[in-house]
Amino acid sequence: MGASLGSVSLVDNLHELVACRLIGGVALSGIVASVMAGVVKTGTPLNRTRNMALISQARNAGMACGPALGGLLGSVVSMQTAFAAVGSSLIISAAAFGRVYRDVSPGSGGAVGTPLQLFHTAFESWHSVLTKVPNVGMLCAMSAVTNGSIAGTNLTLLPLLLSEEPLSLSTGSIGTMLAANAAFAVVSGGWMGSAAQKMGPRAAIGAGTVAMSASLAIQPLVGEAPLVMVGLCGAQLGLGVLNPTLSAQIQELVTKQQPKLVMQAMSLQNTSAFVGLVAGASLGGTIGSQFGYVAGYHACSSVLIATGAVVALRFPAAKLP
């Protein structure tokens, strides 16, 4: 990942830039899986949801601080130097955390196969997870729909909604709103994770889905930036309950029934989330461009609430221990 970002400082054409981004995307998948390894090793039924909430908080902190720091760095040095500095920093960070992970979650020490072999192994493992552990498939589908609803609304339609009449916000104002939303997620994430742990999976999935769906649905209707911000924060609260719960439940189910497949299960969830991002952006963008922003938002929120209701009812009402 660091090398791909640093290499952007050396590119001369679009093809080289796309190649760097492709390498970065592959590396990001590996980083996500590696981070999950440490979380799984240290997790128990008593703290899994809170642990996942902490991971979400860290990610949101990066999303809030990254654009600001990147903009500051870009204003001081050239774009090439900025990318080289960011890539080098990531490499140093990876080396430091590698030492930590040697103790927390050491590797198996087995030989690494070819890319084709690795893909074959991954698909076989995913098939085993889906066929041997009930409800994991639905949880992964819920993860895809959750991320898809955010991609179709906040990541696709929201900037267009804010920049056009009647809001007509500037690029700087839009960036400020998004950074404020990420900062709100950092502050609220821990509380939402603790609340989800206490509520239990059915209530957490249900409440998170309702909060997200309702908050997304009202954003294109309110017509004022402060009220849109309220909708963004409401959706973030729902997401702060929903995402940690989904990840924690997948870990819990697989650890009990197929403990050797827990990392493959988390990899499957991450892949489902990325697929959801692509599908959600396509759905929201297509409907929004053809029928208007309200229709795009409501389509995404309707799919979310329907899927959430089905998934929540598959779990008992009892709270986690």
Protein backbone atom coordinates (compact mmCIF):
# COMPACT_ATOMS: atom_id res chain seq x y z
CA MET A 1 0.00 0.00 0.00
CA GLY A 2 2.77 2.41 0.90
CA ALA A 3 4.69 1.56 -2.26
CA SER A 4 1.58 2.08 -4.41
CA LEU A 5 0.94 5.51 -2.89
CA GLY A 6 4.59 6.49 -3.10
CA SER A 7 4.73 5.38 -6.72
CA VAL A 8 1.99 7.85 -7.61
CA SER A 9 4.65 10.53 -7.26
CA LEU A 10 6.50 8.94 -10.20
CA VAL A 11 3.67 8.29 -12.68
CA ASP A 12 3.61 10.01 -16.08
CA ASN A 13 0.27 8.87 -17.50
CA LEU A 14 -3.19 7.58 -16.63
CA HIS A 15 -2.30 3.92 -17.19
CA GLU A 16 0.48 4.06 -14.61
CA LEU A 17 -1.83 5.83 -12.16
CA VAL A 18 -4.50 3.15 -12.58
CA ALA A 19 -1.88 0.44 -12.04
CA CYS A 20 -0.76 2.09 -8.79
CA ARG A 21 -4.32 2.34 -7.57
CA LEU A 22 -5.00 -1.29 -8.49
CA ILE A 23 -1.98 -2.43 -6.49
CA GLY A 24 -3.15 -0.25 -3.62
CA GLY A 25 -6.60 -1.82 -3.70
CA VAL A 26 -5.16 -5.33 -3.48
CA ALA A 27 -2.89 -4.24 -0.65
CA LEU A 28 -5.80 -2.63 1.20
CA SER A 29 -7.65 -5.96 1.21
CA GLY A 30 -4.62 -7.59 2.82
CA ILE A 31 -4.32 -4.84 5.40
CA VAL A 32 -7.99 -5.17 6.38
CA ALA A 33 -7.60 -8.93 6.78
CA SER A 34 -4.44 -8.50 8.86
CA VAL A 35 -6.10 -5.99 11.18
CA MET A 36 -9.01 -8.38 11.66
CA ALA A 37 -6.58 -11.13 12.69
CA GLY A 38 -5.54 -9.18 15.76
CA VAL A 39 -9.12 -8.28 16.62
CA VAL A 40 -10.27 -11.89 16.35
CA LYS A 41 -7.39 -13.17 18.51
CA THR A 42 -8.16 -10.74 21.33
CA GLY A 43 -11.95 -10.94 21.10
CA THR A 44 -14.38 -12.72 23.42
CA PRO A 45 -18.20 -12.76 23.51
CA LEU A 46 -17.98 -10.02 26.13
CA ASN A 47 -15.99 -7.53 24.04
CA ARG A 48 -16.27 -8.41 20.33
CA THR A 49 -18.82 -5.72 19.49
CA ARG A 50 -16.91 -3.06 21.42
CA ASN A 51 -13.66 -4.11 19.74
CA MET A 52 -15.20 -3.72 16.31
CA ALA A 53 -16.55 -0.32 17.34
CA LEU A 54 -13.00 0.75 18.28
CA ILE A 55 -11.77 -0.33 14.84
CA SER A 56 -14.54 1.75 13.26
CA GLN A 57 -13.57 4.71 15.43
CA ALA A 58 -9.97 4.48 14.28
CA ARG A 59 -11.04 4.31 10.64
CA ASN A 60 -13.34 7.30 11.06
CA ALA A 61 -10.57 9.24 12.76
CA GLY A 62 -8.38 8.62 9.73
CA MET A 63 -11.17 9.72 7.40
CA ALA A 64 -11.64 12.90 9.40
CA CYS A 65 -7.96 13.79 9.75
CA GLY A 66 -6.63 12.43 6.44
CA PRO A 67 -8.16 15.00 4.08
CA ALA A 68 -7.17 17.87 6.35
CA LEU A 69 -3.58 16.67 6.75
CA GLY A 70 -3.33 15.83 3.06
CA GLY A 71 -4.59 19.26 2.09
CA LEU A 72 -2.13 20.91 4.47
CA LEU A 73 0.76 18.82 3.15
CA GLY A 74 -0.23 19.54 -0.45
CA SER A 75 -0.23 23.27 0.23
CA VAL A 76 3.33 23.16 1.60
CA VAL A 77 5.07 20.78 -0.81
CA SER A 78 4.49 19.53 -4.34
CA MET A 79 1.89 16.84 -5.07
CA GLN A 80 4.64 14.34 -5.91
CA THR A 81 6.42 14.98 -2.62
CA ALA A 82 3.13 14.70 -0.72
CA PHE A 83 2.36 11.26 -2.19
CA ALA A 84 5.92 10.09 -1.54
CA ALA A 85 5.70 11.26 2.08
CA VAL A 86 2.36 9.56 2.67
CA GLY A 87 3.57 6.30 1.10
CA SER A 88 6.78 6.33 3.17
CA SER A 89 4.83 7.00 6.36
CA LEU A 90 2.56 4.05 5.67
CA ILE A 91 5.54 1.75 5.13
CA ILE A 92 7.08 2.86 8.44
CA SER A 93 3.74 2.36 10.20
CA ALA A 94 3.37 -1.14 8.72
CA ALA A 95 6.85 -2.08 9.92
CA ALA A 96 6.05 -0.88 13.44
CA PHE A 97 2.74 -2.73 13.63
CA GLY A 98 4.36 -5.83 12.15
CA ARG A 99 6.41 -6.14 15.32
CA VAL A 100 3.26 -5.89 17.43
CA TYR A 101 1.42 -8.49 15.38
CA ARG A 102 4.23 -11.00 15.68
CA ASP A 103 3.19 -11.32 19.31
CA VAL A 104 -0.57 -10.81 19.03
CA SER A 105 -1.29 -12.84 15.90
CA PRO A 106 1.76 -14.63 14.47
CA GLY A 107 1.44 -16.23 11.07
CA SER A 108 1.23 -19.97 10.49
CA GLY A 109 4.60 -20.02 8.77
CA GLY A 110 3.27 -21.98 5.81
CA ALA A 111 4.34 -21.41 2.23
CA VAL A 112 2.50 -18.74 0.24
CA GLY A 113 1.04 -20.03 -3.02
CA THR A 114 0.56 -18.34 -6.35
CA PRO A 115 -2.21 -15.73 -6.72
CA LEU A 116 -4.38 -18.30 -8.52
CA GLN A 117 -3.90 -20.79 -5.68
CA LEU A 118 -4.71 -18.13 -3.10
CA PHE A 119 -7.95 -17.20 -4.89
CA HIS A 120 -8.90 -20.89 -5.15
CA THR A 121 -8.25 -21.40 -1.44
CA ALA A 122 -10.25 -18.29 -0.55
CA PHE A 123 -13.27 -19.35 -2.59
CA GLU A 124 -13.19 -22.84 -1.10
CA SER A 125 -13.00 -21.38 2.41
CA TRP A 126 -15.88 -18.99 1.73
CA HIS A 127 -17.98 -21.87 0.44
CA SER A 128 -17.25 -23.83 3.60
CA VAL A 129 -18.21 -20.89 5.79
CA LEU A 130 -21.48 -20.32 3.96
CA THR A 131 -22.49 -23.98 3.95
CA LYS A 132 -21.35 -25.01 7.43
CA VAL A 133 -22.25 -21.97 9.56
CA PRO A 134 -25.91 -20.90 9.46
CA ASN A 135 -26.77 -17.19 9.19
CA VAL A 136 -23.29 -16.08 8.13
CA GLY A 137 -24.49 -15.64 4.56
CA MET A 138 -27.30 -13.36 5.70
CA LEU A 139 -24.97 -11.33 7.88
CA CYS A 140 -22.59 -10.87 4.94
CA ALA A 141 -25.54 -9.85 2.75
CA MET A 142 -26.57 -7.36 5.42
CA SER A 143 -23.03 -5.99 5.48
CA ALA A 144 -23.17 -5.56 1.71
CA VAL A 145 -26.52 -3.78 1.87
CA THR A 146 -25.37 -1.53 4.73
CA ASN A 147 -22.27 -0.40 2.87
CA GLY A 148 -24.24 -0.19 -0.37
CA SER A 149 -26.77 2.17 1.17
CA ILE A 150 -23.98 4.49 2.28
CA ALA A 151 -22.30 4.30 -1.12
CA GLY A 152 -25.52 4.99 -2.99
CA THR A 153 -26.43 8.00 -0.85
CA ASN A 154 -23.63 9.70 1.07
CA LEU A 155 -20.82 8.77 -1.31
CA THR A 156 -22.69 9.29 -4.59
CA LEU A 157 -25.79 11.47 -4.31
CA LEU A 158 -24.95 13.61 -1.28
CA PRO A 159 -22.25 15.81 -2.90
CA LEU A 160 -24.61 16.46 -5.84
CA LEU A 161 -27.51 17.18 -3.50
CA LEU A 162 -25.47 19.66 -1.49
CA SER A 163 -23.99 21.45 -4.51
CA GLU A 164 -27.27 22.08 -6.33
CA GLU A 165 -30.33 24.18 -5.53
CA PRO A 166 -31.69 24.89 -2.99
CA LEU A 167 -28.56 24.22 -0.87
CA SER A 168 -25.87 25.34 -3.36
CA LEU A 169 -22.97 24.68 -0.98
CA SER A 170 -19.38 25.28 -2.00
CA THR A 171 -16.81 22.51 -2.24
CA GLY A 172 -15.22 23.70 0.99
CA SER A 173 -18.55 23.63 2.82
CA ILE A 174 -19.29 20.13 1.60
CA GLY A 175 -15.86 18.94 2.71
CA THR A 176 -16.40 20.53 6.12
CA MET A 177 -19.73 18.73 6.53
CA LEU A 178 -18.22 15.37 5.62
CA ALA A 179 -15.25 15.91 7.95
CA ALA A 180 -17.63 16.92 10.76
CA ASN A 181 -19.65 13.77 10.16
CA ALA A 182 -16.52 11.64 10.38
CA ALA A 183 -15.50 13.45 13.58
CA PHE A 184 -18.96 12.77 15.02
CA ALA A 185 -18.47 9.09 14.19
CA VAL A 186 -15.18 9.09 16.12
CA VAL A 187 -16.83 10.58 19.19
CA SER A 188 -19.97 8.44 19.12
CA GLY A 189 -18.50 5.12 17.92
CA GLY A 190 -17.43 3.81 21.32
CA TRP A 191 -20.78 4.61 22.89
CA MET A 192 -22.67 2.97 20.05
CA GLY A 193 -20.52 -0.14 20.27
CA SER A 194 -21.18 -0.45 24.01
CA ALA A 195 -24.89 0.08 23.43
CA ALA A 196 -24.96 -2.59 20.74
CA GLN A 197 -23.17 -5.04 23.06
CA LYS A 198 -25.83 -4.51 25.73
CA MET A 199 -28.80 -4.60 23.35
CA GLY A 200 -28.06 -7.97 21.77
CA PRO A 201 -27.99 -8.78 18.04
CA ARG A 202 -31.70 -8.60 17.22
CA ALA A 203 -32.31 -5.24 18.86
CA ALA A 204 -28.98 -3.81 17.65
CA ILE A 205 -29.54 -4.82 14.02
CA GLY A 206 -33.15 -3.62 14.14
CA ALA A 207 -32.40 -0.29 15.82
CA GLY A 208 -29.36 0.39 13.67
CA THR A 209 -31.27 -0.35 10.48
CA VAL A 210 -34.22 1.86 11.45
CA ALA A 211 -31.97 4.75 12.46
CA MET A 212 -29.93 4.53 9.26
CA SER A 213 -32.91 4.12 6.93
CA ALA A 214 -34.92 6.97 8.45
CA SER A 215 -31.93 9.31 8.53
CA LEU A 216 -31.03 8.59 4.90
CA ALA A 217 -34.63 9.00 3.77
CA ILE A 218 -35.02 12.50 5.24
CA GLN A 219 -31.78 13.98 3.88
CA PRO A 220 -33.08 14.91 0.40
CA LEU A 221 -36.35 16.28 1.84
CA VAL A 222 -35.26 18.81 4.46
CA GLY A 223 -33.81 21.51 2.16
CA GLU A 224 -31.45 23.07 4.71
CA ALA A 225 -27.81 22.23 5.37
CA PRO A 226 -28.09 22.00 9.20
CA LEU A 227 -30.98 19.54 8.87
CA VAL A 228 -29.03 17.48 6.33
CA MET A 229 -26.24 17.38 8.90
CA VAL A 230 -28.71 16.03 11.46
CA GLY A 231 -29.62 13.29 8.98
CA LEU A 232 -25.95 12.47 8.45
CA CYS A 233 -25.35 12.18 12.18
CA GLY A 234 -28.45 10.01 12.61
CA ALA A 235 -27.25 7.65 9.89
CA GLN A 236 -23.84 7.56 11.55
CA LEU A 237 -25.39 6.56 14.87
CA GLY A 238 -27.22 3.71 13.17
CA LEU A 239 -24.06 2.64 11.37
CA GLY A 240 -22.15 2.76 14.66
CA VAL A 241 -24.55 0.19 16.10
CA LEU A 242 -25.00 -1.93 12.98
CA ASN A 243 -21.48 -2.51 11.64
CA PRO A 244 -19.84 -3.70 14.90
CA THR A 245 -22.81 -5.98 15.56
CA LEU A 246 -22.57 -7.67 12.16
CA SER A 247 -18.83 -8.26 12.48
CA ALA A 248 -19.09 -9.48 16.06
CA GLN A 249 -21.90 -11.91 15.23
CA ILE A 250 -19.96 -13.40 12.32
CA GLN A 251 -16.95 -13.91 14.59
CA GLU A 252 -19.15 -15.41 17.31
CA LEU A 253 -20.96 -17.87 15.04
CA VAL A 254 -17.87 -19.07 13.18
CA THR A 255 -15.70 -19.29 16.30
CA LYS A 256 -18.25 -21.60 17.92
CA GLN A 257 -18.84 -23.87 14.92
CA GLN A 258 -15.81 -23.66 12.61
CA PRO A 259 -13.03 -21.84 14.51
CA LYS A 260 -10.39 -22.55 11.86
CA LEU A 261 -12.44 -20.58 9.32
CA VAL A 262 -12.93 -17.39 11.32
CA MET A 263 -10.39 -15.36 9.33
CA GLN A 264 -11.87 -16.56 6.05
CA ALA A 265 -15.29 -15.54 7.34
CA MET A 266 -14.06 -12.03 8.10
CA SER A 267 -12.46 -11.89 4.67
CA LEU A 268 -15.82 -12.87 3.16
CA GLN A 269 -17.54 -10.08 5.07
CA ASN A 270 -15.00 -7.53 3.85
CA THR A 271 -15.44 -8.70 0.27
CA SER A 272 -19.22 -8.50 0.67
CA ALA A 273 -18.86 -4.93 1.92
CA PHE A 274 -16.75 -3.94 -1.09
CA VAL A 275 -19.25 -5.57 -3.46
CA GLY A 276 -21.99 -3.64 -1.68
CA LEU A 277 -20.11 -0.38 -2.17
CA VAL A 278 -19.95 -0.94 -5.92
CA ALA A 279 -23.55 -2.13 -6.25
CA GLY A 280 -24.93 0.59 -3.99
CA ALA A 281 -23.14 3.37 -5.84
CA SER A 282 -24.48 2.01 -9.13
CA LEU A 283 -28.03 1.70 -7.78
CA GLY A 284 -28.15 5.09 -6.12
CA GLY A 285 -26.45 6.86 -9.02
CA THR A 286 -28.65 5.25 -11.67
CA ILE A 287 -31.96 5.85 -9.90
CA GLY A 288 -30.88 9.33 -8.79
CA SER A 289 -29.95 10.37 -12.31
CA GLN A 290 -33.14 8.97 -13.85
CA PHE A 291 -35.78 9.76 -11.24
CA GLY A 292 -34.21 12.34 -8.92
CA TYR A 293 -32.27 12.38 -5.69
CA VAL A 294 -35.30 11.61 -3.50
CA ALA A 295 -35.98 8.40 -5.41
CA GLY A 296 -32.31 7.37 -5.20
CA TYR A 297 -32.16 7.95 -1.45
CA HIS A 298 -35.46 6.20 -0.81
CA ALA A 299 -34.52 3.20 -2.94
CA CYS A 300 -31.35 2.68 -0.91
CA SER A 301 -33.07 3.19 2.44
CA SER A 302 -35.94 0.84 1.45
CA VAL A 303 -33.56 -1.99 0.55
CA LEU A 304 -31.74 -1.42 3.85
CA ILE A 305 -34.84 -1.51 6.06
CA ALA A 306 -36.24 -4.58 4.32
CA THR A 307 -32.99 -6.53 4.59
CA GLY A 308 -32.45 -5.44 8.17
CA ALA A 309 -35.89 -6.67 9.22
CA VAL A 310 -35.29 -10.11 7.71
CA VAL A 311 -31.82 -10.47 9.27
CA ALA A 312 -32.81 -9.17 12.72
CA LEU A 313 -35.66 -11.66 13.03
CA ARG A 314 -33.26 -14.57 12.52
CA PHE A 315 -31.66 -13.87 15.90
CA PRO A 316 -33.13 -14.42 19.36
CA ALA A 317 -34.16 -11.42 21.40
CA ALA A 318 -31.82 -12.42 24.25
CA LYS A 319 -28.86 -10.16 24.92
CA LEU A 320 -25.27 -11.26 24.71
CA PRO A 321 -23.74 -12.39 28.02
